N, C-alpha and C. Protein backbone atom coordinates (compact mmCIF):
# COMPACT_ATOMS: atom_id res chain seq x y z
N UNK A 1 -13.03 -27.48 -25.64
CA UNK A 1 -13.71 -27.44 -24.36
C UNK A 1 -13.16 -26.27 -23.55
N UNK A 2 -14.02 -25.37 -23.14
CA UNK A 2 -13.65 -24.20 -22.36
C UNK A 2 -13.88 -24.48 -20.89
N UNK A 3 -12.83 -24.35 -20.11
CA UNK A 3 -12.94 -24.58 -18.68
C UNK A 3 -12.87 -23.22 -17.99
N UNK A 4 -13.88 -22.91 -17.21
CA UNK A 4 -13.86 -21.66 -16.46
C UNK A 4 -13.54 -21.96 -15.01
N UNK A 5 -12.71 -21.12 -14.45
CA UNK A 5 -12.32 -21.31 -13.06
C UNK A 5 -13.00 -20.23 -12.23
N UNK A 6 -13.47 -20.60 -11.07
CA UNK A 6 -14.07 -19.64 -10.16
C UNK A 6 -12.99 -18.77 -9.56
N UNK A 7 -13.32 -17.50 -9.38
CA UNK A 7 -12.39 -16.56 -8.78
C UNK A 7 -12.31 -16.86 -7.29
N UNK A 8 -11.14 -17.28 -6.82
CA UNK A 8 -10.97 -17.59 -5.40
C UNK A 8 -9.69 -16.95 -4.88
N UNK A 9 -9.79 -15.67 -4.52
CA UNK A 9 -8.59 -14.97 -4.05
C UNK A 9 -8.13 -15.48 -2.70
N UNK A 10 -6.87 -15.32 -2.44
CA UNK A 10 -6.29 -15.69 -1.16
C UNK A 10 -5.76 -14.42 -0.49
N UNK A 11 -5.85 -14.40 0.81
CA UNK A 11 -5.36 -13.27 1.60
C UNK A 11 -3.84 -13.17 1.42
N UNK A 12 -3.32 -11.98 1.10
CA UNK A 12 -1.88 -11.85 0.91
C UNK A 12 -1.07 -12.02 2.20
N UNK A 13 -1.69 -11.97 3.34
CA UNK A 13 -0.98 -12.12 4.61
C UNK A 13 -0.98 -13.57 5.09
N UNK A 14 -2.16 -14.17 5.25
CA UNK A 14 -2.23 -15.52 5.83
C UNK A 14 -2.48 -16.61 4.79
N UNK A 15 -2.73 -16.22 3.54
CA UNK A 15 -2.96 -17.14 2.42
C UNK A 15 -4.25 -17.96 2.55
N UNK A 16 -5.12 -17.61 3.47
CA UNK A 16 -6.43 -18.26 3.58
C UNK A 16 -7.36 -17.69 2.51
N UNK A 17 -8.38 -18.45 2.11
CA UNK A 17 -9.34 -17.91 1.15
C UNK A 17 -10.00 -16.64 1.69
N UNK A 18 -10.13 -15.65 0.84
CA UNK A 18 -10.74 -14.39 1.24
C UNK A 18 -12.06 -14.21 0.51
N UNK A 19 -13.10 -13.89 1.25
CA UNK A 19 -14.40 -13.60 0.64
C UNK A 19 -14.25 -12.26 -0.08
N UNK A 20 -14.69 -12.19 -1.33
CA UNK A 20 -14.52 -10.97 -2.10
C UNK A 20 -15.74 -10.07 -2.02
N UNK A 21 -16.90 -10.63 -2.30
CA UNK A 21 -18.14 -9.84 -2.31
C UNK A 21 -18.53 -9.42 -0.89
N UNK A 22 -18.75 -8.14 -0.72
CA UNK A 22 -19.21 -7.62 0.56
C UNK A 22 -18.16 -7.59 1.66
N UNK A 23 -16.90 -7.81 1.32
CA UNK A 23 -15.83 -7.82 2.31
C UNK A 23 -15.16 -6.44 2.35
N UNK A 24 -15.36 -5.66 3.43
CA UNK A 24 -14.75 -4.33 3.48
C UNK A 24 -13.23 -4.37 3.64
N UNK A 25 -12.67 -5.52 3.96
CA UNK A 25 -11.23 -5.64 4.17
C UNK A 25 -10.50 -6.22 2.97
N UNK A 26 -11.20 -6.49 1.87
CA UNK A 26 -10.55 -7.14 0.74
C UNK A 26 -9.40 -6.30 0.22
N UNK A 27 -8.35 -6.85 -0.20
CA UNK A 27 -8.11 -8.24 -0.56
C UNK A 27 -7.74 -9.13 0.62
N UNK A 28 -7.81 -8.59 1.83
CA UNK A 28 -7.47 -9.38 3.01
C UNK A 28 -8.70 -10.13 3.50
N UNK A 29 -8.47 -11.18 4.27
CA UNK A 29 -9.59 -11.99 4.75
C UNK A 29 -10.26 -11.37 5.97
N UNK A 30 -9.55 -10.50 6.68
CA UNK A 30 -10.10 -9.93 7.91
C UNK A 30 -9.44 -8.60 8.22
N UNK A 31 -10.01 -7.90 9.19
CA UNK A 31 -9.42 -6.65 9.65
C UNK A 31 -8.03 -6.90 10.24
N UNK A 32 -7.86 -8.03 10.91
CA UNK A 32 -6.56 -8.38 11.51
C UNK A 32 -5.46 -8.40 10.45
N UNK A 33 -5.69 -9.10 9.34
CA UNK A 33 -4.68 -9.18 8.29
C UNK A 33 -4.46 -7.82 7.63
N UNK A 34 -5.53 -7.04 7.49
CA UNK A 34 -5.41 -5.70 6.91
C UNK A 34 -4.52 -4.83 7.79
N UNK A 35 -4.70 -4.91 9.11
CA UNK A 35 -3.89 -4.11 10.03
C UNK A 35 -2.44 -4.59 10.09
N UNK A 36 -2.22 -5.89 9.95
CA UNK A 36 -0.85 -6.40 9.89
C UNK A 36 -0.14 -5.81 8.69
N UNK A 37 -0.81 -5.76 7.55
CA UNK A 37 -0.23 -5.19 6.33
C UNK A 37 0.03 -3.70 6.51
N UNK A 38 -0.90 -2.97 7.10
CA UNK A 38 -0.73 -1.55 7.34
C UNK A 38 0.47 -1.30 8.25
N UNK A 39 0.62 -2.11 9.29
CA UNK A 39 1.76 -1.99 10.19
C UNK A 39 3.08 -2.24 9.49
N UNK A 40 3.09 -3.16 8.55
CA UNK A 40 4.32 -3.44 7.79
C UNK A 40 4.71 -2.23 6.96
N UNK A 41 3.74 -1.55 6.35
CA UNK A 41 4.05 -0.33 5.60
C UNK A 41 4.53 0.76 6.54
N UNK A 42 3.86 0.92 7.69
CA UNK A 42 4.21 1.98 8.64
C UNK A 42 5.61 1.79 9.22
N UNK A 43 6.02 0.53 9.41
CA UNK A 43 7.35 0.27 9.96
C UNK A 43 8.42 0.16 8.87
N UNK A 44 8.02 0.46 7.64
CA UNK A 44 8.90 0.46 6.48
C UNK A 44 9.49 -0.91 6.16
N UNK A 45 8.75 -1.97 6.51
CA UNK A 45 9.17 -3.32 6.09
C UNK A 45 8.98 -3.49 4.59
N UNK A 46 7.97 -2.81 4.05
CA UNK A 46 7.75 -2.80 2.61
C UNK A 46 8.34 -1.50 2.09
N UNK A 47 8.96 -1.56 0.94
CA UNK A 47 9.51 -0.36 0.34
C UNK A 47 9.30 -0.40 -1.16
N UNK A 48 9.06 0.75 -1.73
CA UNK A 48 8.94 0.87 -3.17
C UNK A 48 10.34 1.16 -3.71
N UNK A 49 10.84 0.33 -4.64
CA UNK A 49 12.19 0.55 -5.13
C UNK A 49 12.32 1.86 -5.91
N UNK A 50 13.46 2.46 -5.77
CA UNK A 50 13.73 3.70 -6.49
C UNK A 50 15.02 4.30 -5.99
N UNK A 51 15.57 5.16 -6.79
CA UNK A 51 16.81 5.81 -6.41
C UNK A 51 16.57 6.92 -5.41
N UNK A 52 17.62 7.30 -4.71
CA UNK A 52 17.54 8.41 -3.77
C UNK A 52 17.34 9.70 -4.56
N UNK A 53 16.55 10.58 -4.02
CA UNK A 53 16.34 11.86 -4.69
C UNK A 53 16.82 12.98 -3.80
N UNK A 54 17.24 14.06 -4.43
CA UNK A 54 17.67 15.22 -3.69
C UNK A 54 16.50 16.17 -3.58
N UNK A 55 16.41 16.90 -2.46
CA UNK A 55 15.29 17.84 -2.31
C UNK A 55 15.32 18.90 -3.40
N UNK A 56 14.15 19.27 -3.86
CA UNK A 56 14.03 20.29 -4.89
C UNK A 56 14.19 21.67 -4.25
N UNK A 57 15.09 22.48 -4.76
CA UNK A 57 15.36 23.80 -4.18
C UNK A 57 14.13 24.70 -4.22
N UNK A 58 13.24 24.51 -5.18
CA UNK A 58 12.04 25.35 -5.27
C UNK A 58 11.05 25.04 -4.17
N UNK A 59 11.20 23.93 -3.47
CA UNK A 59 10.31 23.57 -2.37
C UNK A 59 10.72 24.21 -1.05
N UNK A 60 11.88 24.84 -1.00
CA UNK A 60 12.41 25.41 0.23
C UNK A 60 11.79 26.79 0.45
N UNK A 61 10.88 26.92 1.42
CA UNK A 61 10.21 28.19 1.69
C UNK A 61 11.12 29.20 2.38
N UNK A 62 12.19 28.75 3.01
CA UNK A 62 13.06 29.66 3.77
C UNK A 62 14.10 30.34 2.89
N UNK A 63 14.10 30.10 1.59
CA UNK A 63 15.13 30.66 0.71
C UNK A 63 14.97 32.17 0.53
N UNK A 64 13.74 32.69 0.68
CA UNK A 64 13.52 34.12 0.55
C UNK A 64 13.61 34.62 -0.88
N UNK A 65 13.53 33.75 -1.85
CA UNK A 65 13.68 34.14 -3.26
C UNK A 65 12.56 35.08 -3.71
N UNK A 66 11.37 34.96 -3.14
CA UNK A 66 10.27 35.80 -3.58
C UNK A 66 10.20 37.09 -2.78
N UNK A 67 11.12 37.33 -1.85
CA UNK A 67 11.21 38.59 -1.13
C UNK A 67 10.29 38.66 0.08
N UNK A 68 9.50 37.65 0.37
CA UNK A 68 8.62 37.67 1.54
C UNK A 68 9.02 36.58 2.50
N UNK A 69 8.72 36.79 3.75
CA UNK A 69 9.00 35.77 4.79
C UNK A 69 7.82 35.61 5.67
């Protein structure tokens, strides 16, 4: 017996059911939750893990290596 489950996503912010079809804010349930998530990224509450990196010397335009300024 094969049981199929309906796709019922939940908003990652408030955990309420989110309408998927025709929802411009998906995966969020509303513009409010989408903006809360955006604010969390902007305030650096969310971070992508990774090691610290040193700046690449070739990116420094003030080095004058190519003879022009």
